[in-house]
Amino acid sequence: MTTQDGGAVKTSWVRYILSFPALALVVAAYNAFVLLTFGMLDALSQMFSWVLPSGAEAFFSAGDLFVIAGVVALFTEIVKAAKMGTASWAARGMSLALFAVALIEFLFVPFCGTSSFFILLVMTLISVLAGFSIAWFGWRYTR
């Protein structure tokens, strides 16, 4: 479908896909990984390691990999919030819902009571605060 000037019309489903929180994928992947490994995600679950030129051994656990994925997802969330401005309150609502779900999981689900999941929880909170802050400052400066 095109407009009269030949440009493509954006469908509404694209907006919903863009408003879906990227951190939700990381939290869902964390839950899936822990369920598939029967809760074996702890500080001793070393995924891989290597020796640095200094002689120190660097290793990553599964939780560390989820934290790295969370940092990347948080970056995309902040970029999306800045790009959307005040346009998408649905995205902020879904980020707030994700924070609520992650908080409930952290408090009541035993395998989510790890430091890695807590860091993901803090990232979801930062995503919520950044989204609302960017919207507030955008609204304030456009008045």
C-alpha atoms as a PDB file:
ATOM      1  CA  MET A   1       0.000   0.000   0.000  1.00  0.00           C
ATOM      2  CA  THR A   2       1.374   3.448  -0.879  1.00  0.00           C
ATOM      3  CA  THR A   3       0.370   7.016  -0.255  1.00  0.00           C
ATOM      4  CA  GLN A   4      -0.532   9.502  -2.989  1.00  0.00           C
ATOM      5  CA  ASP A   5       3.037  10.734  -3.132  1.00  0.00           C
ATOM      6  CA  GLY A   6       4.361   7.186  -3.609  1.00  0.00           C
ATOM      7  CA  GLY A   7       5.687   6.645  -0.086  1.00  0.00           C
ATOM      8  CA  ALA A   8       4.954   3.464   1.812  1.00  0.00           C
ATOM      9  CA  VAL A   9       2.392   3.517   4.602  1.00  0.00           C
ATOM     10  CA  LYS A  10       3.670   2.161   7.906  1.00  0.00           C
ATOM     11  CA  THR A  11       1.355  -0.437   9.326  1.00  0.00           C
ATOM     12  CA  SER A  12       0.346  -0.362  12.959  1.00  0.00           C
ATOM     13  CA  TRP A  13       1.937  -3.747  13.728  1.00  0.00           C
ATOM     14  CA  VAL A  14       5.392  -2.278  13.089  1.00  0.00           C
ATOM     15  CA  ARG A  15       4.778   0.198  15.889  1.00  0.00           C
ATOM     16  CA  TYR A  16       3.858  -2.637  18.268  1.00  0.00           C
ATOM     17  CA  ILE A  17       6.985  -4.588  17.371  1.00  0.00           C
ATOM     18  CA  LEU A  18       9.153  -1.534  17.975  1.00  0.00           C
ATOM     19  CA  SER A  19       7.458  -0.830  21.287  1.00  0.00           C
ATOM     20  CA  PHE A  20       8.146  -4.349  22.606  1.00  0.00           C
ATOM     21  CA  PRO A  21      10.932  -4.121  25.229  1.00  0.00           C
ATOM     22  CA  ALA A  22      14.207  -5.709  24.138  1.00  0.00           C
ATOM     23  CA  LEU A  23      14.963  -6.490  27.771  1.00  0.00           C
ATOM     24  CA  ALA A  24      11.932  -8.792  27.785  1.00  0.00           C
ATOM     25  CA  LEU A  25      13.770 -11.076  25.384  1.00  0.00           C
ATOM     26  CA  VAL A  26      16.758 -11.245  27.736  1.00  0.00           C
ATOM     27  CA  VAL A  27      14.567 -11.946  30.779  1.00  0.00           C
ATOM     28  CA  ALA A  28      12.656 -14.612  28.837  1.00  0.00           C
ATOM     29  CA  ALA A  29      15.910 -16.187  27.636  1.00  0.00           C
ATOM     30  CA  TYR A  30      17.203 -16.213  31.229  1.00  0.00           C
ATOM     31  CA  ASN A  31      14.045 -17.980  32.410  1.00  0.00           C
ATOM     32  CA  ALA A  32      14.189 -20.487  29.546  1.00  0.00           C
ATOM     33  CA  PHE A  33      17.875 -21.231  30.174  1.00  0.00           C
ATOM     34  CA  VAL A  34      17.336 -21.801  33.870  1.00  0.00           C
ATOM     35  CA  LEU A  35      14.288 -23.996  33.258  1.00  0.00           C
ATOM     36  CA  LEU A  36      16.139 -26.093  30.675  1.00  0.00           C
ATOM     37  CA  THR A  37      19.172 -26.535  32.934  1.00  0.00           C
ATOM     38  CA  PHE A  38      16.993 -27.239  36.001  1.00  0.00           C
ATOM     39  CA  GLY A  39      18.148 -24.157  37.894  1.00  0.00           C
ATOM     40  CA  MET A  40      21.868 -24.688  37.427  1.00  0.00           C
ATOM     41  CA  LEU A  41      22.694 -21.011  36.964  1.00  0.00           C
ATOM     42  CA  ASP A  42      25.052 -19.909  39.690  1.00  0.00           C
ATOM     43  CA  ALA A  43      28.427 -18.253  40.106  1.00  0.00           C
ATOM     44  CA  LEU A  44      30.209 -21.556  39.495  1.00  0.00           C
ATOM     45  CA  SER A  45      28.588 -22.271  36.101  1.00  0.00           C
ATOM     46  CA  GLN A  46      31.626 -21.368  34.007  1.00  0.00           C
ATOM     47  CA  MET A  47      30.801 -21.172  30.291  1.00  0.00           C
ATOM     48  CA  PHE A  48      34.259 -20.426  28.882  1.00  0.00           C
ATOM     49  CA  SER A  49      37.587 -18.948  29.921  1.00  0.00           C
ATOM     50  CA  TRP A  50      40.906 -17.836  28.516  1.00  0.00           C
ATOM     51  CA  VAL A  51      44.280 -16.655  29.785  1.00  0.00           C
ATOM     52  CA  LEU A  52      45.041 -12.985  29.293  1.00  0.00           C
ATOM     53  CA  PRO A  53      48.513 -11.720  28.324  1.00  0.00           C
ATOM     54  CA  SER A  54      48.956 -10.601  31.942  1.00  0.00           C
ATOM     55  CA  GLY A  55      48.638 -14.218  33.025  1.00  0.00           C
ATOM     56  CA  ALA A  56      45.261 -13.722  34.707  1.00  0.00           C
ATOM     57  CA  GLU A  57      42.461 -16.102  33.799  1.00  0.00           C
ATOM     58  CA  ALA A  58      39.244 -14.504  32.590  1.00  0.00           C
ATOM     59  CA  PHE A  59      36.093 -16.591  32.691  1.00  0.00           C
ATOM     60  CA  PHE A  60      32.438 -16.002  32.006  1.00  0.00           C
ATOM     61  CA  SER A  61      29.540 -17.708  33.669  1.00  0.00           C
ATOM     62  CA  ALA A  62      26.114 -18.041  32.086  1.00  0.00           C
ATOM     63  CA  GLY A  63      24.854 -15.212  34.298  1.00  0.00           C
ATOM     64  CA  ASP A  64      27.597 -12.924  32.999  1.00  0.00           C
ATOM     65  CA  LEU A  65      26.491 -13.553  29.435  1.00  0.00           C
ATOM     66  CA  PHE A  66      22.912 -12.615  30.316  1.00  0.00           C
ATOM     67  CA  VAL A  67      24.146  -9.409  31.950  1.00  0.00           C
ATOM     68  CA  ILE A  68      26.098  -8.517  28.794  1.00  0.00           C
ATOM     69  CA  ALA A  69      23.005  -9.195  26.680  1.00  0.00           C
ATOM     70  CA  GLY A  70      21.018  -7.037  29.100  1.00  0.00           C
ATOM     71  CA  VAL A  71      23.422  -4.114  28.691  1.00  0.00           C
ATOM     72  CA  VAL A  72      23.036  -4.304  24.906  1.00  0.00           C
ATOM     73  CA  ALA A  73      19.243  -4.498  25.252  1.00  0.00           C
ATOM     74  CA  LEU A  74      19.246  -1.542  27.670  1.00  0.00           C
ATOM     75  CA  PHE A  75      21.166   0.500  25.119  1.00  0.00           C
ATOM     76  CA  THR A  76      18.572  -0.278  22.450  1.00  0.00           C
ATOM     77  CA  GLU A  77      15.777   0.612  24.885  1.00  0.00           C
ATOM     78  CA  ILE A  78      17.278   4.022  25.604  1.00  0.00           C
ATOM     79  CA  VAL A  79      17.833   4.705  21.898  1.00  0.00           C
ATOM     80  CA  LYS A  80      14.209   3.712  21.185  1.00  0.00           C
ATOM     81  CA  ALA A  81      12.957   5.955  23.990  1.00  0.00           C
ATOM     82  CA  ALA A  82      14.888   8.906  22.605  1.00  0.00           C
ATOM     83  CA  LYS A  83      13.651   8.239  19.085  1.00  0.00           C
ATOM     84  CA  MET A  84      10.009   7.777  20.048  1.00  0.00           C
ATOM     85  CA  GLY A  85       9.880  10.838  22.288  1.00  0.00           C
ATOM     86  CA  THR A  86       6.393  11.291  23.672  1.00  0.00           C
ATOM     87  CA  ALA A  87       4.746   9.233  20.930  1.00  0.00           C
ATOM     88  CA  SER A  88       4.586   5.777  22.464  1.00  0.00           C
ATOM     89  CA  TRP A  89       3.163   5.393  25.936  1.00  0.00           C
ATOM     90  CA  ALA A  90       2.471   1.748  25.133  1.00  0.00           C
ATOM     91  CA  ALA A  91       6.220   1.071  25.078  1.00  0.00           C
ATOM     92  CA  ARG A  92       6.633   2.662  28.477  1.00  0.00           C
ATOM     93  CA  GLY A  93       3.696   0.663  29.810  1.00  0.00           C
ATOM     94  CA  MET A  94       5.208  -2.592  28.575  1.00  0.00           C
ATOM     95  CA  SER A  95       8.571  -1.664  30.131  1.00  0.00           C
ATOM     96  CA  LEU A  96       6.819  -0.973  33.423  1.00  0.00           C
ATOM     97  CA  ALA A  97       4.990  -4.314  33.195  1.00  0.00           C
ATOM     98  CA  LEU A  98       8.311  -6.059  32.486  1.00  0.00           C
ATOM     99  CA  PHE A  99       9.817  -4.452  35.572  1.00  0.00           C
ATOM    100  CA  ALA A 100       6.862  -5.604  37.681  1.00  0.00           C
ATOM    101  CA  VAL A 101       7.121  -9.178  36.371  1.00  0.00           C
ATOM    102  CA  ALA A 102      10.903  -9.266  36.891  1.00  0.00           C
ATOM    103  CA  LEU A 103      10.507  -7.905  40.434  1.00  0.00           C
ATOM    104  CA  ILE A 104       7.912 -10.566  41.275  1.00  0.00           C
ATOM    105  CA  GLU A 105      10.163 -13.256  39.800  1.00  0.00           C
ATOM    106  CA  PHE A 106      13.151 -11.993  41.771  1.00  0.00           C
ATOM    107  CA  LEU A 107      11.199 -12.009  45.024  1.00  0.00           C
ATOM    108  CA  PHE A 108       9.227 -15.238  44.657  1.00  0.00           C
ATOM    109  CA  VAL A 109      10.920 -17.562  42.123  1.00  0.00           C
ATOM    110  CA  PRO A 110      13.932 -19.359  43.645  1.00  0.00           C
ATOM    111  CA  PHE A 111      16.047 -19.629  40.486  1.00  0.00           C
ATOM    112  CA  CYS A 112      15.634 -15.891  39.816  1.00  0.00           C
ATOM    113  CA  GLY A 113      17.180 -14.968  43.158  1.00  0.00           C
ATOM    114  CA  THR A 114      20.679 -14.542  41.734  1.00  0.00           C
ATOM    115  CA  SER A 115      22.912 -11.511  41.394  1.00  0.00           C
ATOM    116  CA  SER A 116      22.717 -11.790  37.599  1.00  0.00           C
ATOM    117  CA  PHE A 117      18.931 -11.591  37.638  1.00  0.00           C
ATOM    118  CA  PHE A 118      19.076  -8.721  40.121  1.00  0.00           C
ATOM    119  CA  ILE A 119      21.271  -6.784  37.675  1.00  0.00           C
ATOM    120  CA  LEU A 120      18.725  -7.516  34.921  1.00  0.00           C
ATOM    121  CA  LEU A 121      16.007  -6.253  37.286  1.00  0.00           C
ATOM    122  CA  VAL A 122      17.925  -3.005  37.823  1.00  0.00           C
ATOM    123  CA  MET A 123      18.288  -2.666  34.039  1.00  0.00           C
ATOM    124  CA  THR A 124      14.528  -2.954  33.606  1.00  0.00           C
ATOM    125  CA  LEU A 125      14.084  -0.225  36.242  1.00  0.00           C
ATOM    126  CA  ILE A 126      16.586   2.011  34.421  1.00  0.00           C
ATOM    127  CA  SER A 127      14.687   1.382  31.189  1.00  0.00           C
ATOM    128  CA  VAL A 128      11.417   2.483  32.813  1.00  0.00           C
ATOM    129  CA  LEU A 129      12.963   5.573  34.389  1.00  0.00           C
ATOM    130  CA  ALA A 130      14.784   6.530  31.183  1.00  0.00           C
ATOM    131  CA  GLY A 131      11.650   6.131  29.081  1.00  0.00           C
ATOM    132  CA  PHE A 132       9.522   8.309  31.341  1.00  0.00           C
ATOM    133  CA  SER A 133      12.324  10.855  31.836  1.00  0.00           C
ATOM    134  CA  ILE A 134      12.949  11.225  28.118  1.00  0.00           C
ATOM    135  CA  ALA A 135       9.215  11.582  27.507  1.00  0.00           C
ATOM    136  CA  TRP A 136       8.922  14.176  30.272  1.00  0.00           C
ATOM    137  CA  PHE A 137      11.834  16.270  29.008  1.00  0.00           C
ATOM    138  CA  GLY A 138      10.594  15.950  25.428  1.00  0.00           C
ATOM    139  CA  TRP A 139       7.124  17.103  26.457  1.00  0.00           C
ATOM    140  CA  ARG A 140       8.518  19.926  28.560  1.00  0.00           C
ATOM    141  CA  TYR A 141      10.698  21.330  25.786  1.00  0.00           C
ATOM    142  CA  THR A 142       7.999  21.086  23.091  1.00  0.00           C
ATOM    143  CA  ARG A 143       5.487  23.156  25.037  1.00  0.00           C
END
